[in-house]
Protein backbone atom coordinates (compact mmCIF):
# COMPACT_ATOMS: atom_id res chain seq x y z
CA MET A 1 34.79 12.48 40.97
CA GLN A 2 31.26 13.50 39.98
CA SER A 3 30.73 16.72 38.07
CA SER A 4 28.14 19.25 39.22
CA SER A 5 25.86 18.22 36.33
CA ASP A 6 26.08 14.56 37.46
CA CYS A 7 25.14 15.61 40.98
CA ASP A 8 22.20 17.63 39.68
CA SER A 9 20.98 14.65 37.63
CA THR A 10 21.27 12.35 40.62
CA ALA A 11 19.32 14.76 42.82
CA LEU A 12 16.64 15.08 40.16
CA SER A 13 16.28 11.32 39.75
CA ASP A 14 16.06 10.88 43.52
CA ARG A 15 13.19 13.34 43.56
CA ALA A 16 11.36 11.93 40.53
CA THR A 17 7.89 10.61 41.29
CA ALA A 18 5.74 8.48 39.01
CA ILE A 19 2.42 9.83 37.79
CA TYR A 20 -0.31 7.33 36.94
CA LEU A 21 -3.62 7.41 35.12
CA ASN A 22 -6.25 5.26 36.80
CA VAL A 23 -9.03 4.25 34.41
CA TYR A 24 -12.50 3.05 35.45
CA ASP A 25 -15.43 1.51 33.60
CA VAL A 26 -18.59 3.62 33.63
CA SER A 27 -20.71 1.14 31.66
CA HIS A 28 -20.87 -2.63 31.25
CA LEU A 29 -20.70 -1.95 27.51
CA ASN A 30 -16.96 -1.52 27.98
CA SER A 31 -16.63 -5.30 28.07
CA TYR A 32 -17.31 -5.17 24.33
CA LEU A 33 -16.18 -1.67 23.35
CA TYR A 34 -12.76 -1.90 25.00
CA TRP A 35 -11.46 -4.37 22.43
CA LEU A 36 -12.53 -2.00 19.66
CA GLY A 37 -10.48 0.83 21.11
CA LEU A 38 -13.57 2.49 22.54
CA GLY A 39 -15.36 2.67 25.87
CA ILE A 40 -17.12 4.87 28.39
CA PHE A 41 -14.48 5.64 30.99
CA HIS A 42 -13.83 7.73 34.07
CA SER A 43 -10.23 8.53 34.92
CA GLY A 44 -8.18 10.08 37.70
CA VAL A 45 -4.53 11.07 38.02
CA GLU A 46 -2.57 9.44 40.85
CA VAL A 47 0.54 11.11 42.21
CA HIS A 48 2.14 10.98 45.65
CA GLY A 49 -0.49 8.49 46.82
CA VAL A 50 -3.47 10.75 46.02
CA GLU A 51 -5.87 10.45 43.09
CA TYR A 52 -7.29 13.64 41.57
CA ALA A 53 -10.32 13.76 39.29
CA PHE A 54 -12.96 16.15 37.98
CA GLY A 55 -16.71 15.95 38.49
CA ALA A 56 -19.90 17.93 38.12
CA HIS A 57 -21.92 19.99 40.59
CA ASP A 58 -24.12 23.08 40.33
CA TYR A 59 -21.73 25.75 41.60
CA PRO A 60 -19.02 27.91 39.97
CA THR A 61 -16.37 26.54 42.32
CA SER A 62 -13.84 23.74 42.00
CA GLY A 63 -15.06 20.44 40.60
CA VAL A 64 -11.67 18.82 41.21
CA PHE A 65 -11.70 16.25 43.99
CA GLU A 66 -9.37 13.70 45.54
CA VAL A 67 -10.03 10.08 46.43
CA GLU A 68 -8.16 6.99 47.49
CA PRO A 69 -6.19 5.74 44.47
CA ARG A 70 -7.96 3.15 42.29
CA ASN A 71 -11.06 3.38 44.49
CA CYS A 72 -13.29 6.11 43.05
CA PRO A 73 -16.89 5.56 44.27
CA GLY A 74 -19.46 4.64 41.64
CA PHE A 75 -17.06 3.21 39.08
CA VAL A 76 -15.36 -0.13 38.42
CA PHE A 77 -11.57 0.09 38.34
CA ARG A 78 -10.09 -1.27 35.11
CA ARG A 79 -6.37 -0.51 34.92
CA THR A 80 -3.48 1.80 35.78
CA ILE A 81 -1.32 3.41 33.11
CA THR A 82 2.09 4.91 33.89
CA ILE A 83 2.26 8.35 32.28
CA GLY A 84 5.76 9.40 33.31
CA THR A 85 7.59 11.04 36.18
CA ILE A 86 7.61 14.49 37.74
CA ASP A 87 10.03 16.29 40.03
CA LYS A 88 7.42 18.08 42.15
CA GLY A 89 6.88 17.29 45.81
CA PRO A 90 3.45 16.64 47.40
CA ALA A 91 2.95 20.28 48.41
CA GLU A 92 3.86 21.53 44.93
CA VAL A 93 1.47 19.06 43.29
CA ARG A 94 -1.29 20.09 45.65
CA GLU A 95 -0.75 23.76 44.86
CA PHE A 96 -0.73 22.96 41.14
CA MET A 97 -4.04 21.08 41.44
CA GLU A 98 -5.66 23.89 43.42
CA GLN A 99 -4.62 26.44 40.81
CA LEU A 100 -5.77 24.20 37.95
CA SER A 101 -9.12 23.71 39.68
CA LEU A 102 -9.90 27.36 38.84
CA GLN A 103 -10.29 26.20 35.24
CA TYR A 104 -12.49 23.24 36.20
CA ALA A 105 -15.53 24.52 38.06
CA GLY A 106 -18.20 21.96 38.82
CA ASP A 107 -20.82 23.79 36.78
CA SER A 108 -18.53 23.84 33.73
CA TYR A 109 -18.53 20.04 33.42
CA HIS A 110 -19.73 18.83 30.02
CA LEU A 111 -19.96 15.18 29.10
CA ILE A 112 -18.62 15.74 25.59
CA LEU A 113 -16.54 18.92 25.74
CA LYS A 114 -15.14 19.07 29.28
CA ASN A 115 -15.30 15.83 31.21
CA CYS A 116 -13.08 14.03 33.71
CA ASN A 117 -10.87 12.67 30.94
CA HIS A 118 -10.20 16.13 29.53
CA PHE A 119 -9.05 17.11 33.02
CA THR A 120 -6.72 14.15 33.48
CA ASN A 121 -5.21 14.63 30.04
CA ASP A 122 -4.60 18.29 30.87
CA VAL A 123 -2.85 17.28 34.11
CA CYS A 124 -0.72 14.65 32.35
CA MET A 125 0.38 17.14 29.69
CA LYS A 126 1.19 19.89 32.18
CA LEU A 127 2.97 17.73 34.76
CA ALA A 128 4.59 14.93 32.73
CA ARG A 129 4.40 16.32 29.19
CA ASN A 130 2.75 13.11 28.08
CA SER A 131 -0.86 12.74 27.02
CA ALA A 132 -3.33 10.13 28.19
CA PRO A 133 -3.98 7.28 25.71
CA GLY A 134 -6.46 8.32 23.04
CA TRP A 135 -8.90 5.49 23.72
CA VAL A 136 -9.68 6.81 27.23
CA ASN A 137 -11.71 9.73 25.85
CA ARG A 138 -12.21 8.66 22.24
CA LEU A 139 -15.96 8.19 22.58
CA ALA A 140 -16.36 11.79 23.74
CA TYR A 141 -14.49 13.04 20.67
CA ILE A 142 -16.70 10.90 18.46
CA GLY A 143 -19.74 12.07 20.39
CA ALA A 144 -18.83 15.68 19.64
CA PHE A 145 -19.69 14.87 16.03
CA CYS A 146 -22.48 12.39 16.68
CA SER A 147 -24.06 12.74 20.12
CA CYS A 148 -26.54 9.97 19.36
CA LEU A 149 -23.77 7.44 20.05
CA LEU A 150 -23.85 8.20 23.78
CA PRO A 151 -26.72 6.73 25.80
CA GLU A 152 -28.94 9.17 27.71
CA SER A 153 -28.53 7.18 30.90
CA LEU A 154 -24.73 7.61 30.88
CA GLN A 155 -23.50 8.35 34.39
CA ILE A 156 -21.83 11.72 35.00
CA THR A 157 -19.09 11.96 37.61
CA SER A 158 -20.72 14.05 40.33
CA VAL A 159 -19.71 15.26 43.76
CA ARG A 160 -22.52 15.56 46.29
CA GLN A 161 -23.35 18.57 48.43
CA SER A 162 -23.15 18.11 52.20
CA ALA A 163 -22.69 21.49 53.88
CA GLU A 164 -23.26 25.20 53.26
CA TYR A 165 -21.38 28.31 54.20
CA HIS A 166 -21.28 31.99 53.21
CA ILE A 167 -18.46 34.08 51.76
CA TYR A 168 -16.94 36.57 54.18
CA ASP A 169 -15.00 39.71 53.46
CA ASP A 170 -11.67 40.69 55.01
CA ASN A 171 -13.46 42.10 58.06
CA GLY A 172 -15.28 38.87 58.73
CA ASP A 173 -18.62 40.23 57.52
CA ASP A 174 -20.96 38.19 55.40
CA ASP A 175 -20.74 40.52 52.41
CA LEU A 176 -22.62 38.29 49.96
CA PRO A 177 -25.63 37.18 51.99
CA GLY A 178 -27.42 35.56 49.07
CA VAL A 179 -24.54 33.39 47.93
CA GLN A 180 -23.55 30.11 49.47
CA GLN A 181 -20.53 27.95 48.80
CA VAL A 182 -20.61 24.25 49.42
CA ASP A 183 -18.21 21.63 50.73
CA TYR A 184 -18.61 18.34 48.92
CA TYR A 185 -18.08 14.86 50.27
CA ASP A 186 -19.36 11.66 48.75
CA GLN A 187 -18.16 8.28 49.96
CA GLY A 188 -14.52 9.31 50.24
CA GLN A 189 -14.47 12.11 47.69
CA ARG A 190 -12.96 15.35 48.98
CA LEU A 191 -13.34 18.48 46.89
CA LEU A 192 -10.29 20.68 46.42
CA THR A 193 -10.72 24.39 47.06
CA ALA A 194 -8.96 27.10 45.14
CA PRO A 195 -6.86 29.67 47.02
CA ASN A 196 -9.21 31.77 49.17
CA GLY A 197 -8.80 35.02 47.27
CA ASP A 198 -9.44 33.35 43.94
CA MET A 199 -12.48 31.48 45.21
CA GLN A 200 -14.01 34.58 46.72
CA SER A 201 -13.41 36.49 43.48
CA HIS A 202 -15.13 33.77 41.44
CA MET A 203 -18.11 33.66 43.76
CA GLN A 204 -18.42 37.44 43.75
CA GLU A 205 -18.41 37.46 39.95
CA HIS A 206 -21.10 34.77 39.94
CA TYR A 207 -23.18 36.69 42.49
CA LEU A 208 -22.95 39.93 40.49
CA ASP A 209 -23.82 38.11 37.27
CA VAL A 210 -26.86 36.45 38.86
CA ASN A 211 -28.04 39.74 40.35
CA SER A 212 -27.53 41.53 37.03
CA LYS A 213 -29.62 38.96 35.19
CA HIS A 214 -32.29 39.10 37.90
CA SER A 215 -32.47 42.90 37.67
CA THR A 216 -32.75 42.73 33.89
CA ASP A 217 -35.58 40.20 34.13
CA VAL A 218 -37.45 42.38 36.65
CA THR A 219 -37.02 45.48 34.47
CA GLN A 220 -38.26 43.70 31.38
CA SER A 221 -41.24 42.27 33.21
């Protein structure tokens, strides 16, 4: 007869889902750098059949997007690495990603300090308590000390603008007429949005900050 702890362990193992790190080549230089433990890579985290990654755009809203696993546009797929397992269902993972996206706005992307590989390592640590292999983002860490190592033409993961819309208040009024949010789609990329209240708050803060700076500039002029 199984004990309650055995039953709990069985239920947990039945619910366990693998989490993968999908790594892509950004540059043909990887053909040489890879064998030295270096390379210029893009990465995404795959879980429950969806791949999540982080890219750049010009707005203070989520830069986290989802794509078909191992098929991120603009990059050459190299390999998949198993990070571990998690016990969260698809809806829980989605909610986690949406909340995490608040920390990864598109306009906060930085090639050296906050790139797609920083995002995936953060996800791996938080979900599976395992880090991504060091070589995936090693060049960025080196570049933090010697930026001349990274070519100027290096491609940045970006998500393209395709549609505009305004923020509305609880009454349905367009309360921030000068601010526009953007949905992003680019060859299969779909941008995640943060919970509505959080997104509106972020955009309001951005709008007030922009207006404050504009007023200061006008006063000084």
